[in-house]
Amino acid sequence: MSQTLTAVLVLLGVILGFVTGWLSNERYTAYMTFVEHDHEELFEKNPHPEIFDNDGNLHRGEYMHITFAPGYNPDEFDPEDIIEE
């Protein structure tokens, strides 16, 4: 009886260790491969209504931001002034 109980406990320990290791590996891999969106801070602190889809879910697509220099006059716009980063 003692050897049977020991064998069952060892088997349960191995199964539990395998499942725990597998789940831990999944979480660790997801953590290490997570790539934060360039505008993640904006999404969390000040989500604008236009970045939500029709179902109310946050759309983390591609966005561009435009920075205007102080004193910018749109009447003097020249397309050659555009600098791509």
PDB file of N, CA and C in Angstrom:
ATOM      1  N   MET A   1       0.839  -1.207   0.000  1.00  0.00           N
ATOM      2  CA  MET A   1       0.000   0.000   0.000  1.00  0.00           C
ATOM      3  C   MET A   1       0.865   1.244   0.000  1.00  0.00           C
ATOM      4  N   SER A   2       1.915   1.231   0.745  1.00  0.00           N
ATOM      5  CA  SER A   2       2.794   2.379   0.880  1.00  0.00           C
ATOM      6  C   SER A   2       3.478   2.714  -0.439  1.00  0.00           C
ATOM      7  N   GLN A   3       3.913   1.688  -1.179  1.00  0.00           N
ATOM      8  CA  GLN A   3       4.577   1.929  -2.460  1.00  0.00           C
ATOM      9  C   GLN A   3       3.574   2.441  -3.511  1.00  0.00           C
ATOM     10  N   THR A   4       2.377   1.957  -3.464  1.00  0.00           N
ATOM     11  CA  THR A   4       1.346   2.405  -4.393  1.00  0.00           C
ATOM     12  C   THR A   4       0.995   3.869  -4.139  1.00  0.00           C
ATOM     13  N   LEU A   5       0.852   4.223  -2.868  1.00  0.00           N
ATOM     14  CA  LEU A   5       0.556   5.611  -2.515  1.00  0.00           C
ATOM     15  C   LEU A   5       1.692   6.534  -2.926  1.00  0.00           C
ATOM     16  N   THR A   6       2.918   6.082  -2.715  1.00  0.00           N
ATOM     17  CA  THR A   6       4.088   6.871  -3.106  1.00  0.00           C
ATOM     18  C   THR A   6       4.115   7.070  -4.621  1.00  0.00           C
ATOM     19  N   ALA A   7       3.843   5.996  -5.360  1.00  0.00           N
ATOM     20  CA  ALA A   7       3.853   6.080  -6.826  1.00  0.00           C
ATOM     21  C   ALA A   7       2.769   7.023  -7.321  1.00  0.00           C
ATOM     22  N   VAL A   8       1.596   6.980  -6.723  1.00  0.00           N
ATOM     23  CA  VAL A   8       0.502   7.867  -7.127  1.00  0.00           C
ATOM     24  C   VAL A   8       0.860   9.320  -6.819  1.00  0.00           C
ATOM     25  N   LEU A   9       1.437   9.554  -5.643  1.00  0.00           N
ATOM     26  CA  LEU A   9       1.820  10.928  -5.281  1.00  0.00           C
ATOM     27  C   LEU A   9       2.934  11.459  -6.184  1.00  0.00           C
ATOM     28  N   VAL A  10       3.875  10.612  -6.531  1.00  0.00           N
ATOM     29  CA  VAL A  10       4.944  11.025  -7.447  1.00  0.00           C
ATOM     30  C   VAL A  10       4.355  11.343  -8.814  1.00  0.00           C
ATOM     31  N   LEU A  11       3.460  10.505  -9.288  1.00  0.00           N
ATOM     32  CA  LEU A  11       2.828  10.737 -10.589  1.00  0.00           C
ATOM     33  C   LEU A  11       2.016  12.036 -10.583  1.00  0.00           C
ATOM     34  N   LEU A  12       1.254  12.266  -9.520  1.00  0.00           N
ATOM     35  CA  LEU A  12       0.495  13.516  -9.418  1.00  0.00           C
ATOM     36  C   LEU A  12       1.422  14.728  -9.347  1.00  0.00           C
ATOM     37  N   GLY A  13       2.532  14.591  -8.636  1.00  0.00           N
ATOM     38  CA  GLY A  13       3.507  15.682  -8.560  1.00  0.00           C
ATOM     39  C   GLY A  13       4.118  16.000  -9.913  1.00  0.00           C
ATOM     40  N   VAL A  14       4.430  14.944 -10.677  1.00  0.00           N
ATOM     41  CA  VAL A  14       4.999  15.148 -12.017  1.00  0.00           C
ATOM     42  C   VAL A  14       3.973  15.826 -12.924  1.00  0.00           C
ATOM     43  N   ILE A  15       2.745  15.376 -12.892  1.00  0.00           N
ATOM     44  CA  ILE A  15       1.694  15.973 -13.724  1.00  0.00           C
ATOM     45  C   ILE A  15       1.476  17.431 -13.325  1.00  0.00           C
ATOM     46  N   LEU A  16       1.384  17.688 -12.024  1.00  0.00           N
ATOM     47  CA  LEU A  16       1.187  19.056 -11.551  1.00  0.00           C
ATOM     48  C   LEU A  16       2.369  19.950 -11.946  1.00  0.00           C
ATOM     49  N   GLY A  17       3.581  19.435 -11.817  1.00  0.00           N
ATOM     50  CA  GLY A  17       4.771  20.199 -12.215  1.00  0.00           C
ATOM     51  C   GLY A  17       4.791  20.490 -13.702  1.00  0.00           C
ATOM     52  N   PHE A  18       4.393  19.497 -14.494  1.00  0.00           N
ATOM     53  CA  PHE A  18       4.359  19.693 -15.947  1.00  0.00           C
ATOM     54  C   PHE A  18       3.349  20.766 -16.333  1.00  0.00           C
ATOM     55  N   VAL A  19       2.146  20.686 -15.783  1.00  0.00           N
ATOM     56  CA  VAL A  19       1.095  21.655 -16.112  1.00  0.00           C
ATOM     57  C   VAL A  19       1.483  23.055 -15.622  1.00  0.00           C
ATOM     58  N   THR A  20       2.003  23.147 -14.416  1.00  0.00           N
ATOM     59  CA  THR A  20       2.431  24.446 -13.873  1.00  0.00           C
ATOM     60  C   THR A  20       3.550  25.048 -14.716  1.00  0.00           C
ATOM     61  N   GLY A  21       4.521  24.230 -15.102  1.00  0.00           N
ATOM     62  CA  GLY A  21       5.618  24.712 -15.953  1.00  0.00           C
ATOM     63  C   GLY A  21       5.136  25.165 -17.309  1.00  0.00           C
ATOM     64  N   TRP A  22       4.208  24.433 -17.878  1.00  0.00           N
ATOM     65  CA  TRP A  22       3.664  24.773 -19.184  1.00  0.00           C
ATOM     66  C   TRP A  22       2.938  26.121 -19.128  1.00  0.00           C
ATOM     67  N   LEU A  23       2.072  26.292 -18.143  1.00  0.00           N
ATOM     68  CA  LEU A  23       1.337  27.554 -18.013  1.00  0.00           C
ATOM     69  C   LEU A  23       2.279  28.713 -17.713  1.00  0.00           C
ATOM     70  N   SER A  24       3.274  28.478 -16.875  1.00  0.00           N
ATOM     71  CA  SER A  24       4.243  29.531 -16.570  1.00  0.00           C
ATOM     72  C   SER A  24       5.012  29.927 -17.820  1.00  0.00           C
ATOM     73  N   ASN A  25       5.395  28.940 -18.625  1.00  0.00           N
ATOM     74  CA  ASN A  25       6.117  29.226 -19.862  1.00  0.00           C
ATOM     75  C   ASN A  25       5.261  30.044 -20.822  1.00  0.00           C
ATOM     76  N   GLU A  26       3.984  29.729 -20.919  1.00  0.00           N
ATOM     77  CA  GLU A  26       3.086  30.490 -21.799  1.00  0.00           C
ATOM     78  C   GLU A  26       3.018  31.949 -21.374  1.00  0.00           C
ATOM     79  N   ARG A  27       2.862  32.176 -20.078  1.00  0.00           N
ATOM     80  CA  ARG A  27       2.785  33.562 -19.583  1.00  0.00           C
ATOM     81  C   ARG A  27       4.106  34.294 -19.777  1.00  0.00           C
ATOM     82  N   TYR A  28       5.219  33.617 -19.521  1.00  0.00           N
ATOM     83  CA  TYR A  28       6.532  34.236 -19.670  1.00  0.00           C
ATOM     84  C   TYR A  28       6.802  34.586 -21.133  1.00  0.00           C
ATOM     85  N   THR A  29       6.460  33.684 -22.029  1.00  0.00           N
ATOM     86  CA  THR A  29       6.655  33.946 -23.458  1.00  0.00           C
ATOM     87  C   THR A  29       5.788  35.119 -23.915  1.00  0.00           C
ATOM     88  N   ALA A  30       4.551  35.186 -23.461  1.00  0.00           N
ATOM     89  CA  ALA A  30       3.675  36.303 -23.827  1.00  0.00           C
ATOM     90  C   ALA A  30       4.227  37.616 -23.269  1.00  0.00           C
ATOM     91  N   TYR A  31       4.775  37.579 -22.060  1.00  0.00           N
ATOM     92  CA  TYR A  31       5.353  38.782 -21.452  1.00  0.00           C
ATOM     93  C   TYR A  31       6.588  39.245 -22.223  1.00  0.00           C
ATOM     94  N   MET A  32       7.445  38.318 -22.605  1.00  0.00           N
ATOM     95  CA  MET A  32       8.691  38.677 -23.279  1.00  0.00           C
ATOM     96  C   MET A  32       8.473  39.127 -24.722  1.00  0.00           C
ATOM     97  N   THR A  33       7.418  38.670 -25.371  1.00  0.00           N
ATOM     98  CA  THR A  33       7.193  39.033 -26.771  1.00  0.00           C
ATOM     99  C   THR A  33       6.214  40.193 -26.934  1.00  0.00           C
ATOM    100  N   PHE A  34       5.721  40.764 -25.834  1.00  0.00           N
ATOM    101  CA  PHE A  34       4.778  41.876 -25.909  1.00  0.00           C
ATOM    102  C   PHE A  34       5.487  43.103 -26.453  1.00  0.00           C
ATOM    103  N   VAL A  35       4.906  43.707 -27.465  1.00  0.00           N
ATOM    104  CA  VAL A  35       5.442  44.934 -28.044  1.00  0.00           C
ATOM    105  C   VAL A  35       4.433  46.035 -27.762  1.00  0.00           C
ATOM    106  N   GLU A  36       4.888  47.047 -27.053  1.00  0.00           N
ATOM    107  CA  GLU A  36       3.979  48.133 -26.699  1.00  0.00           C
ATOM    108  C   GLU A  36       3.783  49.057 -27.894  1.00  0.00           C
ATOM    109  N   HIS A  37       2.572  49.468 -28.101  1.00  0.00           N
ATOM    110  CA  HIS A  37       2.236  50.394 -29.180  1.00  0.00           C
ATOM    111  C   HIS A  37       2.902  51.743 -28.905  1.00  0.00           C
ATOM    112  N   ASP A  38       3.273  52.458 -29.952  1.00  0.00           N
ATOM    113  CA  ASP A  38       3.937  53.756 -29.792  1.00  0.00           C
ATOM    114  C   ASP A  38       3.095  54.741 -28.993  1.00  0.00           C
ATOM    115  N   HIS A  39       1.782  54.654 -29.108  1.00  0.00           N
ATOM    116  CA  HIS A  39       0.894  55.603 -28.437  1.00  0.00           C
ATOM    117  C   HIS A  39       0.161  54.965 -27.258  1.00  0.00           C
ATOM    118  N   GLU A  40       0.754  53.933 -26.634  1.00  0.00           N
ATOM    119  CA  GLU A  40       0.103  53.220 -25.539  1.00  0.00           C
ATOM    120  C   GLU A  40      -0.198  54.152 -24.365  1.00  0.00           C
ATOM    121  N   GLU A  41       0.682  55.089 -24.103  1.00  0.00           N
ATOM    122  CA  GLU A  41       0.464  56.040 -23.002  1.00  0.00           C
ATOM    123  C   GLU A  41      -0.788  56.884 -23.262  1.00  0.00           C
ATOM    124  N   LEU A  42      -0.985  57.309 -24.494  1.00  0.00           N
ATOM    125  CA  LEU A  42      -2.177  58.073 -24.853  1.00  0.00           C
ATOM    126  C   LEU A  42      -3.428  57.223 -24.679  1.00  0.00           C
ATOM    127  N   PHE A  43      -3.366  55.958 -25.088  1.00  0.00           N
ATOM    128  CA  PHE A  43      -4.521  55.068 -24.965  1.00  0.00           C
ATOM    129  C   PHE A  43      -4.952  54.935 -23.508  1.00  0.00           C
ATOM    130  N   GLU A  44      -3.983  54.855 -22.602  1.00  0.00           N
ATOM    131  CA  GLU A  44      -4.306  54.638 -21.192  1.00  0.00           C
ATOM    132  C   GLU A  44      -4.727  55.924 -20.488  1.00  0.00           C
ATOM    133  N   LYS A  45      -4.031  57.029 -20.758  1.00  0.00           N
ATOM    134  CA  LYS A  45      -4.277  58.259 -20.006  1.00  0.00           C
ATOM    135  C   LYS A  45      -5.411  59.102 -20.567  1.00  0.00           C
ATOM    136  N   ASN A  46      -5.517  59.194 -21.886  1.00  0.00           N
ATOM    137  CA  ASN A  46      -6.482  60.101 -22.485  1.00  0.00           C
ATOM    138  C   ASN A  46      -7.020  59.506 -23.790  1.00  0.00           C
ATOM    139  N   PRO A  47      -7.834  58.449 -23.707  1.00  0.00           N
ATOM    140  CA  PRO A  47      -8.319  57.840 -24.946  1.00  0.00           C
ATOM    141  C   PRO A  47      -9.361  58.728 -25.638  1.00  0.00           C
ATOM    142  N   HIS A  48      -9.045  59.181 -26.810  1.00  0.00           N
ATOM    143  CA  HIS A  48      -9.957  60.025 -27.578  1.00  0.00           C
ATOM    144  C   HIS A  48     -11.056  59.171 -28.199  1.00  0.00           C
ATOM    145  N   PRO A  49     -12.241  59.702 -28.367  1.00  0.00           N
ATOM    146  CA  PRO A  49     -13.360  58.923 -28.928  1.00  0.00           C
ATOM    147  C   PRO A  49     -13.101  58.389 -30.330  1.00  0.00           C
ATOM    148  N   GLU A  50     -12.293  59.074 -31.108  1.00  0.00           N
ATOM    149  CA  GLU A  50     -12.083  58.643 -32.486  1.00  0.00           C
ATOM    150  C   GLU A  50     -11.208  57.399 -32.611  1.00  0.00           C
ATOM    151  N   ILE A  51     -10.576  56.954 -31.532  1.00  0.00           N
ATOM    152  CA  ILE A  51      -9.751  55.748 -31.616  1.00  0.00           C
ATOM    153  C   ILE A  51     -10.516  54.493 -31.206  1.00  0.00           C
ATOM    154  N   PHE A  52     -11.821  54.618 -30.988  1.00  0.00           N
ATOM    155  CA  PHE A  52     -12.647  53.463 -30.666  1.00  0.00           C
ATOM    156  C   PHE A  52     -13.400  53.023 -31.907  1.00  0.00           C
ATOM    157  N   ASP A  53     -13.578  51.709 -32.069  1.00  0.00           N
ATOM    158  CA  ASP A  53     -14.359  51.225 -33.206  1.00  0.00           C
ATOM    159  C   ASP A  53     -15.848  51.271 -32.877  1.00  0.00           C
ATOM    160  N   ASN A  54     -16.676  50.761 -33.758  1.00  0.00           N
ATOM    161  CA  ASN A  54     -18.133  50.828 -33.576  1.00  0.00           C
ATOM    162  C   ASN A  54     -18.624  50.044 -32.374  1.00  0.00           C
ATOM    163  N   ASP A  55     -17.868  49.028 -31.953  1.00  0.00           N
ATOM    164  CA  ASP A  55     -18.261  48.211 -30.810  1.00  0.00           C
ATOM    165  C   ASP A  55     -17.733  48.763 -29.487  1.00  0.00           C
ATOM    166  N   GLY A  56     -17.007  49.861 -29.529  1.00  0.00           N
ATOM    167  CA  GLY A  56     -16.467  50.456 -28.310  1.00  0.00           C
ATOM    168  C   GLY A  56     -15.110  49.914 -27.905  1.00  0.00           C
ATOM    169  N   ASN A  57     -14.485  49.108 -28.768  1.00  0.00           N
ATOM    170  CA  ASN A  57     -13.166  48.565 -28.473  1.00  0.00           C
ATOM    171  C   ASN A  57     -12.097  49.528 -28.962  1.00  0.00           C
ATOM    172  N   LEU A  58     -11.012  49.616 -28.230  1.00  0.00           N
ATOM    173  CA  LEU A  58      -9.901  50.496 -28.585  1.00  0.00           C
ATOM    174  C   LEU A  58      -9.196  49.960 -29.818  1.00  0.00           C
ATOM    175  N   HIS A  59      -9.062  50.774 -30.856  1.00  0.00           N
ATOM    176  CA  HIS A  59      -8.398  50.374 -32.093  1.00  0.00           C
ATOM    177  C   HIS A  59      -6.937  50.787 -32.005  1.00  0.00           C
ATOM    178  N   ARG A  60      -6.037  49.806 -31.919  1.00  0.00           N
ATOM    179  CA  ARG A  60      -4.607  50.089 -31.802  1.00  0.00           C
ATOM    180  C   ARG A  60      -3.922  49.966 -33.170  1.00  0.00           C
ATOM    181  N   GLY A  61      -4.510  50.554 -34.167  1.00  0.00           N
ATOM    182  CA  GLY A  61      -3.955  50.502 -35.519  1.00  0.00           C
ATOM    183  C   GLY A  61      -2.760  51.432 -35.650  1.00  0.00           C
ATOM    184  N   GLU A  62      -2.473  51.788 -36.865  1.00  0.00           N
ATOM    185  CA  GLU A  62      -1.363  52.701 -37.108  1.00  0.00           C
ATOM    186  C   GLU A  62      -1.879  54.133 -37.068  1.00  0.00           C
ATOM    187  N   TYR A  63      -1.154  54.969 -36.382  1.00  0.00           N
ATOM    188  CA  TYR A  63      -1.503  56.379 -36.257  1.00  0.00           C
ATOM    189  C   TYR A  63      -0.285  57.211 -36.604  1.00  0.00           C
ATOM    190  N   MET A  64      -0.527  58.433 -36.983  1.00  0.00           N
ATOM    191  CA  MET A  64       0.580  59.361 -37.179  1.00  0.00           C
ATOM    192  C   MET A  64       0.298  60.603 -36.350  1.00  0.00           C
ATOM    193  N   HIS A  65       1.349  61.233 -35.936  1.00  0.00           N
ATOM    194  CA  HIS A  65       1.150  62.483 -35.217  1.00  0.00           C
ATOM    195  C   HIS A  65       1.893  63.583 -35.964  1.00  0.00           C
ATOM    196  N   ILE A  66       1.346  64.754 -35.882  1.00  0.00           N
ATOM    197  CA  ILE A  66       1.911  65.901 -36.569  1.00  0.00           C
ATOM    198  C   ILE A  66       2.217  66.957 -35.523  1.00  0.00           C
ATOM    199  N   THR A  67       3.436  67.445 -35.559  1.00  0.00           N
ATOM    200  CA  THR A  67       3.847  68.481 -34.626  1.00  0.00           C
ATOM    201  C   THR A  67       4.093  69.758 -35.422  1.00  0.00           C
ATOM    202  N   PHE A  68       3.408  70.820 -35.037  1.00  0.00           N
ATOM    203  CA  PHE A  68       3.587  72.115 -35.696  1.00  0.00           C
ATOM    204  C   PHE A  68       4.496  72.973 -34.842  1.00  0.00           C
ATOM    205  N   ALA A  69       5.404  73.631 -35.506  1.00  0.00           N
ATOM    206  CA  ALA A  69       6.311  74.532 -34.796  1.00  0.00           C
ATOM    207  C   ALA A  69       5.527  75.736 -34.286  1.00  0.00           C
ATOM    208  N   PRO A  70       5.958  76.322 -33.175  1.00  0.00           N
ATOM    209  CA  PRO A  70       5.272  77.519 -32.681  1.00  0.00           C
ATOM    210  C   PRO A  70       5.279  78.622 -33.753  1.00  0.00           C
ATOM    211  N   GLY A  71       4.145  79.252 -33.942  1.00  0.00           N
ATOM    212  CA  GLY A  71       4.038  80.315 -34.937  1.00  0.00           C
ATOM    213  C   GLY A  71       3.815  79.795 -36.348  1.00  0.00           C
ATOM    214  N   TYR A  72       3.466  78.522 -36.494  1.00  0.00           N
ATOM    215  CA  TYR A  72       3.239  77.947 -37.819  1.00  0.00           C
ATOM    216  C   TYR A  72       2.058  78.620 -38.495  1.00  0.00           C
ATOM    217  N   ASN A  73       2.232  78.965 -39.761  1.00  0.00           N
ATOM    218  CA  ASN A  73       1.183  79.590 -40.551  1.00  0.00           C
ATOM    219  C   ASN A  73       0.806  78.628 -41.682  1.00  0.00           C
ATOM    220  N   PRO A  74      -0.404  78.052 -41.661  1.00  0.00           N
ATOM    221  CA  PRO A  74      -0.773  77.085 -42.696  1.00  0.00           C
ATOM    222  C   PRO A  74      -0.844  77.680 -44.101  1.00  0.00           C
ATOM    223  N   ASP A  75      -0.941  78.986 -44.208  1.00  0.00           N
ATOM    224  CA  ASP A  75      -0.981  79.616 -45.533  1.00  0.00           C
ATOM    225  C   ASP A  75       0.373  79.536 -46.228  1.00  0.00           C
ATOM    226  N   GLU A  76       1.439  79.324 -45.449  1.00  0.00           N
ATOM    227  CA  GLU A  76       2.791  79.249 -46.007  1.00  0.00           C
ATOM    228  C   GLU A  76       3.251  77.802 -46.170  1.00  0.00           C
ATOM    229  N   PHE A  77       2.317  76.860 -46.238  1.00  0.00           N
ATOM    230  CA  PHE A  77       2.658  75.445 -46.329  1.00  0.00           C
ATOM    231  C   PHE A  77       3.364  75.127 -47.633  1.00  0.00           C
ATOM    232  N   ASP A  78       4.457  74.397 -47.540  1.00  0.00           N
ATOM    233  CA  ASP A  78       5.176  73.910 -48.707  1.00  0.00           C
ATOM    234  C   ASP A  78       5.349  72.389 -48.522  1.00  0.00           C
ATOM    235  N   PRO A  79       4.862  71.561 -49.436  1.00  0.00           N
ATOM    236  CA  PRO A  79       4.962  70.107 -49.271  1.00  0.00           C
ATOM    237  C   PRO A  79       6.394  69.600 -49.092  1.00  0.00           C
ATOM    238  N   GLU A  80       7.378  70.355 -49.563  1.00  0.00           N
ATOM    239  CA  GLU A  80       8.762  69.925 -49.411  1.00  0.00           C
ATOM    240  C   GLU A  80       9.264  70.087 -47.966  1.00  0.00           C
ATOM    241  N   ASP A  81       8.500  70.769 -47.152  1.00  0.00           N
ATOM    242  CA  ASP A  81       8.893  70.953 -45.748  1.00  0.00           C
ATOM    243  C   ASP A  81       8.613  69.726 -44.879  1.00  0.00           C
ATOM    244  N   ILE A  82       7.915  68.741 -45.440  1.00  0.00           N
ATOM    245  CA  ILE A  82       7.541  67.558 -44.672  1.00  0.00           C
ATOM    246  C   ILE A  82       8.781  66.682 -44.446  1.00  0.00           C
ATOM    247  N   ILE A  83       9.009  66.336 -43.184  1.00  0.00           N
ATOM    248  CA  ILE A  83      10.143  65.492 -42.807  1.00  0.00           C
ATOM    249  C   ILE A  83       9.567  64.173 -42.278  1.00  0.00           C
ATOM    250  N   GLU A  84       9.925  63.077 -42.910  1.00  0.00           N
ATOM    251  CA  GLU A  84       9.455  61.771 -42.453  1.00  0.00           C
ATOM    252  C   GLU A  84      10.495  61.190 -41.513  1.00  0.00           C
ATOM    253  N   GLU A  85       9.993  60.637 -40.406  1.00  0.00           N
ATOM    254  CA  GLU A  85      10.910  60.049 -39.419  1.00  0.00           C
ATOM    255  C   GLU A  85      10.851  58.562 -39.471  1.00  0.00           C
TER     256      GLU A  85
END
